[in-house]
Structures are given as C-alpha cells and as structure tokens.
Amino acid sequence: MEKDHPVADLEIDASGLKCPLPILRAKKALAQIESGQVLRVVTTDLHAVRDFQAFAEQTGNALLLQSESDGVAVHYLRRR
C-alpha cells in the first residue's frame, strides 16, 4: 500500500474525460477483473467524485477510497 491506499490490480487513467466517460471506462475495466480485486481510476472531471459515489452505490461495487488533490481525483473500487 502506498500511503494507506489500497493496492490496485488494474489502473485506468480517465484524465481529461468528462462525464459519463470516466464511469463507462471504469465499468468496462471492472468487467475485466475478478471479484474482490481493486480498480484505481484517475480523473480530472469536477463531478467525478459524486459520480463514482453514485456508481458504487448503484452497482454494489465497494468504493474503498477517494482522494483529491490539485484537480485530480483518484478512486479505488473493489469489484463485487
């Protein structure tokens, strides 16, 4: 773990993409990993933090952590 961040099994960079593209990329990436594995998504969309919270709630995937710094948000999702 890096600074108390979960260890990601797969990472995607959705920087520069606007809603709904970061969510769609995350959905596609989650389909590629096994149940219990962790996806790390990097975004720059201002609404991504709320979008990923809603996405996790709707899909049942666990939102482990979100961090935001200098306009970049990182989201960690555990596949259900």
PDB file of N, CA and C in Angstrom:
ATOM      1  N   MET A   1       0.831  -1.195   0.000  1.00  0.00           N
ATOM      2  CA  MET A   1       0.000   0.000   0.000  1.00  0.00           C
ATOM      3  C   MET A   1       0.869   1.250   0.000  1.00  0.00           C
ATOM      4  N   GLU A   2       0.431   2.206  -0.762  1.00  0.00           N
ATOM      5  CA  GLU A   2       1.143   3.471  -0.846  1.00  0.00           C
ATOM      6  C   GLU A   2       0.358   4.508  -0.052  1.00  0.00           C
ATOM      7  N   LYS A   3       0.914   4.974   1.044  1.00  0.00           N
ATOM      8  CA  LYS A   3       0.258   5.994   1.875  1.00  0.00           C
ATOM      9  C   LYS A   3      -1.171   5.597   2.249  1.00  0.00           C
ATOM     10  N   ASP A   4      -1.349   4.399   2.740  1.00  0.00           N
ATOM     11  CA  ASP A   4      -2.659   3.892   3.141  1.00  0.00           C
ATOM     12  C   ASP A   4      -3.646   3.758   1.986  1.00  0.00           C
ATOM     13  N   HIS A   5      -3.155   3.716   0.760  1.00  0.00           N
ATOM     14  CA  HIS A   5      -4.026   3.490  -0.381  1.00  0.00           C
ATOM     15  C   HIS A   5      -4.091   1.992  -0.660  1.00  0.00           C
ATOM     16  N   PRO A   6      -5.244   1.502  -1.083  1.00  0.00           N
ATOM     17  CA  PRO A   6      -5.339   0.081  -1.442  1.00  0.00           C
ATOM     18  C   PRO A   6      -4.406  -0.252  -2.609  1.00  0.00           C
ATOM     19  N   VAL A   7      -4.009  -1.490  -2.693  1.00  0.00           N
ATOM     20  CA  VAL A   7      -3.193  -1.948  -3.808  1.00  0.00           C
ATOM     21  C   VAL A   7      -4.127  -2.249  -4.974  1.00  0.00           C
ATOM     22  N   ALA A   8      -3.882  -1.608  -6.105  1.00  0.00           N
ATOM     23  CA  ALA A   8      -4.755  -1.766  -7.268  1.00  0.00           C
ATOM     24  C   ALA A   8      -4.293  -2.936  -8.138  1.00  0.00           C
ATOM     25  N   ASP A   9      -5.259  -3.729  -8.578  1.00  0.00           N
ATOM     26  CA  ASP A   9      -4.979  -4.823  -9.504  1.00  0.00           C
ATOM     27  C   ASP A   9      -4.991  -4.325 -10.947  1.00  0.00           C
ATOM     28  N   LEU A  10      -5.716  -3.233 -11.187  1.00  0.00           N
ATOM     29  CA  LEU A  10      -5.802  -2.632 -12.511  1.00  0.00           C
ATOM     30  C   LEU A  10      -5.965  -1.128 -12.339  1.00  0.00           C
ATOM     31  N   GLU A  11      -5.314  -0.365 -13.198  1.00  0.00           N
ATOM     32  CA  GLU A  11      -5.418   1.094 -13.145  1.00  0.00           C
ATOM     33  C   GLU A  11      -5.860   1.613 -14.498  1.00  0.00           C
ATOM     34  N   ILE A  12      -6.733   2.639 -14.470  1.00  0.00           N
ATOM     35  CA  ILE A  12      -7.080   3.328 -15.706  1.00  0.00           C
ATOM     36  C   ILE A  12      -6.955   4.827 -15.487  1.00  0.00           C
ATOM     37  N   ASP A  13      -6.554   5.506 -16.538  1.00  0.00           N
ATOM     38  CA  ASP A  13      -6.401   6.953 -16.489  1.00  0.00           C
ATOM     39  C   ASP A  13      -7.515   7.572 -17.324  1.00  0.00           C
ATOM     40  N   ALA A  14      -8.473   8.198 -16.655  1.00  0.00           N
ATOM     41  CA  ALA A  14      -9.580   8.863 -17.337  1.00  0.00           C
ATOM     42  C   ALA A  14      -9.424  10.377 -17.255  1.00  0.00           C
ATOM     43  N   SER A  15      -8.193  10.837 -17.096  1.00  0.00           N
ATOM     44  CA  SER A  15      -7.909  12.273 -17.039  1.00  0.00           C
ATOM     45  C   SER A  15      -8.337  12.928 -18.342  1.00  0.00           C
ATOM     46  N   GLY A  16      -8.942  14.098 -18.221  1.00  0.00           N
ATOM     47  CA  GLY A  16      -9.357  14.836 -19.394  1.00  0.00           C
ATOM     48  C   GLY A  16     -10.710  14.430 -19.949  1.00  0.00           C
ATOM     49  N   LEU A  17     -11.281  13.360 -19.427  1.00  0.00           N
ATOM     50  CA  LEU A  17     -12.581  12.890 -19.905  1.00  0.00           C
ATOM     51  C   LEU A  17     -13.693  13.460 -19.040  1.00  0.00           C
ATOM     52  N   LYS A  18     -14.792  13.811 -19.665  1.00  0.00           N
ATOM     53  CA  LYS A  18     -15.958  14.342 -18.959  1.00  0.00           C
ATOM     54  C   LYS A  18     -16.999  13.245 -18.792  1.00  0.00           C
ATOM     55  N   CYS A  19     -17.860  13.430 -17.814  1.00  0.00           N
ATOM     56  CA  CYS A  19     -18.949  12.517 -17.536  1.00  0.00           C
ATOM     57  C   CYS A  19     -19.765  12.301 -18.816  1.00  0.00           C
ATOM     58  N   PRO A  20     -20.139  11.094 -19.129  1.00  0.00           N
ATOM     59  CA  PRO A  20     -20.064   9.854 -18.345  1.00  0.00           C
ATOM     60  C   PRO A  20     -18.864   8.985 -18.686  1.00  0.00           C
ATOM     61  N   LEU A  21     -17.907   9.481 -19.468  1.00  0.00           N
ATOM     62  CA  LEU A  21     -16.804   8.626 -19.926  1.00  0.00           C
ATOM     63  C   LEU A  21     -15.969   7.989 -18.813  1.00  0.00           C
ATOM     64  N   PRO A  22     -15.600   8.701 -17.736  1.00  0.00           N
ATOM     65  CA  PRO A  22     -14.840   8.021 -16.673  1.00  0.00           C
ATOM     66  C   PRO A  22     -15.609   6.830 -16.070  1.00  0.00           C
ATOM     67  N   ILE A  23     -16.914   6.992 -15.895  1.00  0.00           N
ATOM     68  CA  ILE A  23     -17.724   5.901 -15.340  1.00  0.00           C
ATOM     69  C   ILE A  23     -17.785   4.741 -16.327  1.00  0.00           C
ATOM     70  N   LEU A  24     -17.974   5.043 -17.601  1.00  0.00           N
ATOM     71  CA  LEU A  24     -18.036   3.982 -18.610  1.00  0.00           C
ATOM     72  C   LEU A  24     -16.722   3.227 -18.696  1.00  0.00           C
ATOM     73  N   ARG A  25     -15.611   3.944 -18.622  1.00  0.00           N
ATOM     74  CA  ARG A  25     -14.295   3.275 -18.633  1.00  0.00           C
ATOM     75  C   ARG A  25     -14.130   2.393 -17.398  1.00  0.00           C
ATOM     76  N   ALA A  26     -14.572   2.905 -16.250  1.00  0.00           N
ATOM     77  CA  ALA A  26     -14.474   2.126 -15.012  1.00  0.00           C
ATOM     78  C   ALA A  26     -15.332   0.867 -15.096  1.00  0.00           C
ATOM     79  N   LYS A  27     -16.526   1.008 -15.631  1.00  0.00           N
ATOM     80  CA  LYS A  27     -17.429  -0.146 -15.767  1.00  0.00           C
ATOM     81  C   LYS A  27     -16.791  -1.230 -16.638  1.00  0.00           C
ATOM     82  N   LYS A  28     -16.200  -0.816 -17.740  1.00  0.00           N
ATOM     83  CA  LYS A  28     -15.534  -1.752 -18.651  1.00  0.00           C
ATOM     84  C   LYS A  28     -14.333  -2.417 -17.958  1.00  0.00           C
ATOM     85  N   ALA A  29     -13.561  -1.627 -17.216  1.00  0.00           N
ATOM     86  CA  ALA A  29     -12.388  -2.160 -16.517  1.00  0.00           C
ATOM     87  C   ALA A  29     -12.791  -3.136 -15.409  1.00  0.00           C
ATOM     88  N   LEU A  30     -13.872  -2.823 -14.688  1.00  0.00           N
ATOM     89  CA  LEU A  30     -14.332  -3.719 -13.625  1.00  0.00           C
ATOM     90  C   LEU A  30     -14.729  -5.077 -14.192  1.00  0.00           C
ATOM     91  N   ALA A  31     -15.238  -5.097 -15.408  1.00  0.00           N
ATOM     92  CA  ALA A  31     -15.627  -6.353 -16.051  1.00  0.00           C
ATOM     93  C   ALA A  31     -14.411  -7.224 -16.379  1.00  0.00           C
ATOM     94  N   GLN A  32     -13.229  -6.609 -16.412  1.00  0.00           N
ATOM     95  CA  GLN A  32     -12.004  -7.337 -16.754  1.00  0.00           C
ATOM     96  C   GLN A  32     -11.298  -7.945 -15.547  1.00  0.00           C
ATOM     97  N   ILE A  33     -11.720  -7.558 -14.342  1.00  0.00           N
ATOM     98  CA  ILE A  33     -11.038  -8.071 -13.151  1.00  0.00           C
ATOM     99  C   ILE A  33     -11.966  -9.011 -12.379  1.00  0.00           C
ATOM    100  N   GLU A  34     -11.365  -9.770 -11.490  1.00  0.00           N
ATOM    101  CA  GLU A  34     -12.107 -10.759 -10.706  1.00  0.00           C
ATOM    102  C   GLU A  34     -12.786 -10.114  -9.504  1.00  0.00           C
ATOM    103  N   SER A  35     -13.794 -10.781  -8.999  1.00  0.00           N
ATOM    104  CA  SER A  35     -14.471 -10.335  -7.780  1.00  0.00           C
ATOM    105  C   SER A  35     -13.454 -10.188  -6.654  1.00  0.00           C
ATOM    106  N   GLY A  36     -13.517  -9.064  -5.942  1.00  0.00           N
ATOM    107  CA  GLY A  36     -12.596  -8.803  -4.837  1.00  0.00           C
ATOM    108  C   GLY A  36     -11.356  -8.026  -5.233  1.00  0.00           C
ATOM    109  N   GLN A  37     -11.087  -7.934  -6.530  1.00  0.00           N
ATOM    110  CA  GLN A  37      -9.920  -7.176  -6.969  1.00  0.00           C
ATOM    111  C   GLN A  37     -10.238  -5.680  -6.972  1.00  0.00           C
ATOM    112  N   VAL A  38      -9.178  -4.870  -7.007  1.00  0.00           N
ATOM    113  CA  VAL A  38      -9.324  -3.418  -6.857  1.00  0.00           C
ATOM    114  C   VAL A  38      -8.944  -2.696  -8.149  1.00  0.00           C
ATOM    115  N   LEU A  39      -9.782  -1.729  -8.512  1.00  0.00           N
ATOM    116  CA  LEU A  39      -9.555  -0.872  -9.669  1.00  0.00           C
ATOM    117  C   LEU A  39      -9.217   0.530  -9.177  1.00  0.00           C
ATOM    118  N   ARG A  40      -8.185   1.130  -9.756  1.00  0.00           N
ATOM    119  CA  ARG A  40      -7.803   2.511  -9.453  1.00  0.00           C
ATOM    120  C   ARG A  40      -8.113   3.350 -10.684  1.00  0.00           C
ATOM    121  N   VAL A  41      -8.871   4.419 -10.501  1.00  0.00           N
ATOM    122  CA  VAL A  41      -9.255   5.291 -11.614  1.00  0.00           C
ATOM    123  C   VAL A  41      -8.803   6.718 -11.306  1.00  0.00           C
ATOM    124  N   VAL A  42      -8.086   7.322 -12.234  1.00  0.00           N
ATOM    125  CA  VAL A  42      -7.640   8.710 -12.110  1.00  0.00           C
ATOM    126  C   VAL A  42      -8.538   9.567 -12.996  1.00  0.00           C
ATOM    127  N   THR A  43      -9.109  10.636 -12.420  1.00  0.00           N
ATOM    128  CA  THR A  43      -9.997  11.518 -13.160  1.00  0.00           C
ATOM    129  C   THR A  43      -9.655  12.978 -12.905  1.00  0.00           C
ATOM    130  N   THR A  44     -10.107  13.830 -13.834  1.00  0.00           N
ATOM    131  CA  THR A  44      -9.967  15.275 -13.649  1.00  0.00           C
ATOM    132  C   THR A  44     -11.317  15.980 -13.740  1.00  0.00           C
ATOM    133  N   ASP A  45     -12.373  15.257 -14.032  1.00  0.00           N
ATOM    134  CA  ASP A  45     -13.721  15.827 -14.108  1.00  0.00           C
ATOM    135  C   ASP A  45     -14.159  16.261 -12.710  1.00  0.00           C
ATOM    136  N   LEU A  46     -14.631  17.489 -12.587  1.00  0.00           N
ATOM    137  CA  LEU A  46     -15.034  18.026 -11.286  1.00  0.00           C
ATOM    138  C   LEU A  46     -16.161  17.218 -10.631  1.00  0.00           C
ATOM    139  N   HIS A  47     -16.987  16.582 -11.427  1.00  0.00           N
ATOM    140  CA  HIS A  47     -18.131  15.849 -10.897  1.00  0.00           C
ATOM    141  C   HIS A  47     -17.833  14.377 -10.624  1.00  0.00           C
ATOM    142  N   ALA A  48     -16.630  13.932 -10.927  1.00  0.00           N
ATOM    143  CA  ALA A  48     -16.299  12.510 -10.824  1.00  0.00           C
ATOM    144  C   ALA A  48     -16.438  11.963  -9.401  1.00  0.00           C
ATOM    145  N   VAL A  49     -16.116  12.757  -8.390  1.00  0.00           N
ATOM    146  CA  VAL A  49     -16.203  12.263  -7.011  1.00  0.00           C
ATOM    147  C   VAL A  49     -17.637  11.832  -6.711  1.00  0.00           C
ATOM    148  N   ARG A  50     -18.596  12.702  -6.998  1.00  0.00           N
ATOM    149  CA  ARG A  50     -20.003  12.342  -6.767  1.00  0.00           C
ATOM    150  C   ARG A  50     -20.455  11.231  -7.703  1.00  0.00           C
ATOM    151  N   ASP A  51     -19.997  11.276  -8.948  1.00  0.00           N
ATOM    152  CA  ASP A  51     -20.380  10.249  -9.918  1.00  0.00           C
ATOM    153  C   ASP A  51     -19.935   8.865  -9.464  1.00  0.00           C
ATOM    154  N   PHE A  52     -18.714   8.758  -8.961  1.00  0.00           N
ATOM    155  CA  PHE A  52     -18.212   7.452  -8.530  1.00  0.00           C
ATOM    156  C   PHE A  52     -18.905   6.978  -7.256  1.00  0.00           C
ATOM    157  N   GLN A  53     -19.299   7.907  -6.395  1.00  0.00           N
ATOM    158  CA  GLN A  53     -20.064   7.515  -5.202  1.00  0.00           C
ATOM    159  C   GLN A  53     -21.406   6.921  -5.618  1.00  0.00           C
ATOM    160  N   ALA A  54     -22.085   7.570  -6.543  1.00  0.00           N
ATOM    161  CA  ALA A  54     -23.378   7.077  -7.034  1.00  0.00           C
ATOM    162  C   ALA A  54     -23.206   5.760  -7.788  1.00  0.00           C
ATOM    163  N   PHE A  55     -22.157   5.664  -8.602  1.00  0.00           N
ATOM    164  CA  PHE A  55     -21.892   4.446  -9.366  1.00  0.00           C
ATOM    165  C   PHE A  55     -21.688   3.254  -8.433  1.00  0.00           C
ATOM    166  N   ALA A  56     -20.888   3.448  -7.390  1.00  0.00           N
ATOM    167  CA  ALA A  56     -20.624   2.363  -6.448  1.00  0.00           C
ATOM    168  C   ALA A  56     -21.912   1.932  -5.747  1.00  0.00           C
ATOM    169  N   GLU A  57     -22.710   2.892  -5.345  1.00  0.00           N
ATOM    170  CA  GLU A  57     -23.967   2.582  -4.661  1.00  0.00           C
ATOM    171  C   GLU A  57     -24.922   1.822  -5.583  1.00  0.00           C
ATOM    172  N   GLN A  58     -25.006   2.228  -6.821  1.00  0.00           N
ATOM    173  CA  GLN A  58     -25.925   1.606  -7.779  1.00  0.00           C
ATOM    174  C   GLN A  58     -25.483   0.217  -8.215  1.00  0.00           C
ATOM    175  N   THR A  59     -24.169  -0.012  -8.287  1.00  0.00           N
ATOM    176  CA  THR A  59     -23.673  -1.283  -8.819  1.00  0.00           C
ATOM    177  C   THR A  59     -23.303  -2.293  -7.739  1.00  0.00           C
ATOM    178  N   GLY A  60     -23.154  -1.834  -6.498  1.00  0.00           N
ATOM    179  CA  GLY A  60     -22.771  -2.752  -5.433  1.00  0.00           C
ATOM    180  C   GLY A  60     -21.274  -2.975  -5.327  1.00  0.00           C
ATOM    181  N   ASN A  61     -20.494  -2.273  -6.153  1.00  0.00           N
ATOM    182  CA  ASN A  61     -19.037  -2.332  -6.018  1.00  0.00           C
ATOM    183  C   ASN A  61     -18.645  -1.394  -4.883  1.00  0.00           C
ATOM    184  N   ALA A  62     -17.664  -1.808  -4.087  1.00  0.00           N
ATOM    185  CA  ALA A  62     -17.279  -1.014  -2.919  1.00  0.00           C
ATOM    186  C   ALA A  62     -16.346   0.126  -3.324  1.00  0.00           C
ATOM    187  N   LEU A  63     -16.694   1.337  -2.914  1.00  0.00           N
ATOM    188  CA  LEU A  63     -15.816   2.487  -3.097  1.00  0.00           C
ATOM    189  C   LEU A  63     -14.923   2.549  -1.865  1.00  0.00           C
ATOM    190  N   LEU A  64     -13.688   2.095  -2.023  1.00  0.00           N
ATOM    191  CA  LEU A  64     -12.779   1.974  -0.887  1.00  0.00           C
ATOM    192  C   LEU A  64     -12.204   3.309  -0.439  1.00  0.00           C
ATOM    193  N   LEU A  65     -11.889   4.149  -1.408  1.00  0.00           N
ATOM    194  CA  LEU A  65     -11.209   5.405  -1.084  1.00  0.00           C
ATOM    195  C   LEU A  65     -11.314   6.353  -2.265  1.00  0.00           C
ATOM    196  N   GLN A  66     -11.426   7.637  -1.950  1.00  0.00           N
ATOM    197  CA  GLN A  66     -11.323   8.689  -2.954  1.00  0.00           C
ATOM    198  C   GLN A  66     -10.379   9.731  -2.382  1.00  0.00           C
ATOM    199  N   SER A  67      -9.470  10.191  -3.210  1.00  0.00           N
ATOM    200  CA  SER A  67      -8.587  11.274  -2.778  1.00  0.00           C
ATOM    201  C   SER A  67      -8.546  12.310  -3.893  1.00  0.00           C
ATOM    202  N   GLU A  68      -8.410  13.560  -3.488  1.00  0.00           N
ATOM    203  CA  GLU A  68      -8.447  14.653  -4.451  1.00  0.00           C
ATOM    204  C   GLU A  68      -7.325  15.629  -4.126  1.00  0.00           C
ATOM    205  N   SER A  69      -6.586  16.021  -5.164  1.00  0.00           N
ATOM    206  CA  SER A  69      -5.504  16.973  -4.971  1.00  0.00           C
ATOM    207  C   SER A  69      -5.206  17.663  -6.296  1.00  0.00           C
ATOM    208  N   ASP A  70      -5.143  18.979  -6.273  1.00  0.00           N
ATOM    209  CA  ASP A  70      -4.782  19.771  -7.456  1.00  0.00           C
ATOM    210  C   ASP A  70      -5.621  19.437  -8.687  1.00  0.00           C
ATOM    211  N   GLY A  71      -6.910  19.231  -8.493  1.00  0.00           N
ATOM    212  CA  GLY A  71      -7.801  18.976  -9.614  1.00  0.00           C
ATOM    213  C   GLY A  71      -7.792  17.557 -10.140  1.00  0.00           C
ATOM    214  N   VAL A  72      -7.068  16.680  -9.465  1.00  0.00           N
ATOM    215  CA  VAL A  72      -7.016  15.267  -9.864  1.00  0.00           C
ATOM    216  C   VAL A  72      -7.623  14.435  -8.739  1.00  0.00           C
ATOM    217  N   ALA A  73      -8.573  13.590  -9.105  1.00  0.00           N
ATOM    218  CA  ALA A  73      -9.196  12.704  -8.125  1.00  0.00           C
ATOM    219  C   ALA A  73      -8.824  11.267  -8.459  1.00  0.00           C
ATOM    220  N   VAL A  74      -8.567  10.488  -7.410  1.00  0.00           N
ATOM    221  CA  VAL A  74      -8.256   9.078  -7.580  1.00  0.00           C
ATOM    222  C   VAL A  74      -9.320   8.283  -6.816  1.00  0.00           C
ATOM    223  N   HIS A  75      -9.864   7.277  -7.479  1.00  0.00           N
ATOM    224  CA  HIS A  75     -10.952   6.483  -6.920  1.00  0.00           C
ATOM    225  C   HIS A  75     -10.507   5.025  -6.889  1.00  0.00           C
ATOM    226  N   TYR A  76     -10.756   4.359  -5.770  1.00  0.00           N
ATOM    227  CA  TYR A  76     -10.449   2.940  -5.631  1.00  0.00           C
ATOM    228  C   TYR A  76     -11.755   2.178  -5.444  1.00  0.00           C
ATOM    229  N   LEU A  77     -12.014   1.257  -6.356  1.00  0.00           N
ATOM    230  CA  LEU A  77     -13.228   0.448  -6.318  1.00  0.00           C
ATOM    231  C   LEU A  77     -12.867  -1.026  -6.187  1.00  0.00           C
ATOM    232  N   ARG A  78     -13.570  -1.726  -5.302  1.00  0.00           N
ATOM    233  CA  ARG A  78     -13.387  -3.179  -5.197  1.00  0.00           C
ATOM    234  C   ARG A  78     -14.567  -3.837  -5.907  1.00  0.00           C
ATOM    235  N   ARG A  79     -14.254  -4.709  -6.845  1.00  0.00           N
ATOM    236  CA  ARG A  79     -15.312  -5.375  -7.601  1.00  0.00           C
ATOM    237  C   ARG A  79     -16.099  -6.312  -6.690  1.00  0.00           C
ATOM    238  N   ARG A  80     -17.421  -6.268  -6.831  1.00  0.00           N
ATOM    239  CA  ARG A  80     -18.277  -7.142  -6.023  1.00  0.00           C
ATOM    240  C   ARG A  80     -18.203  -8.566  -6.495  1.00  0.00           C
TER     241      ARG A  80
END
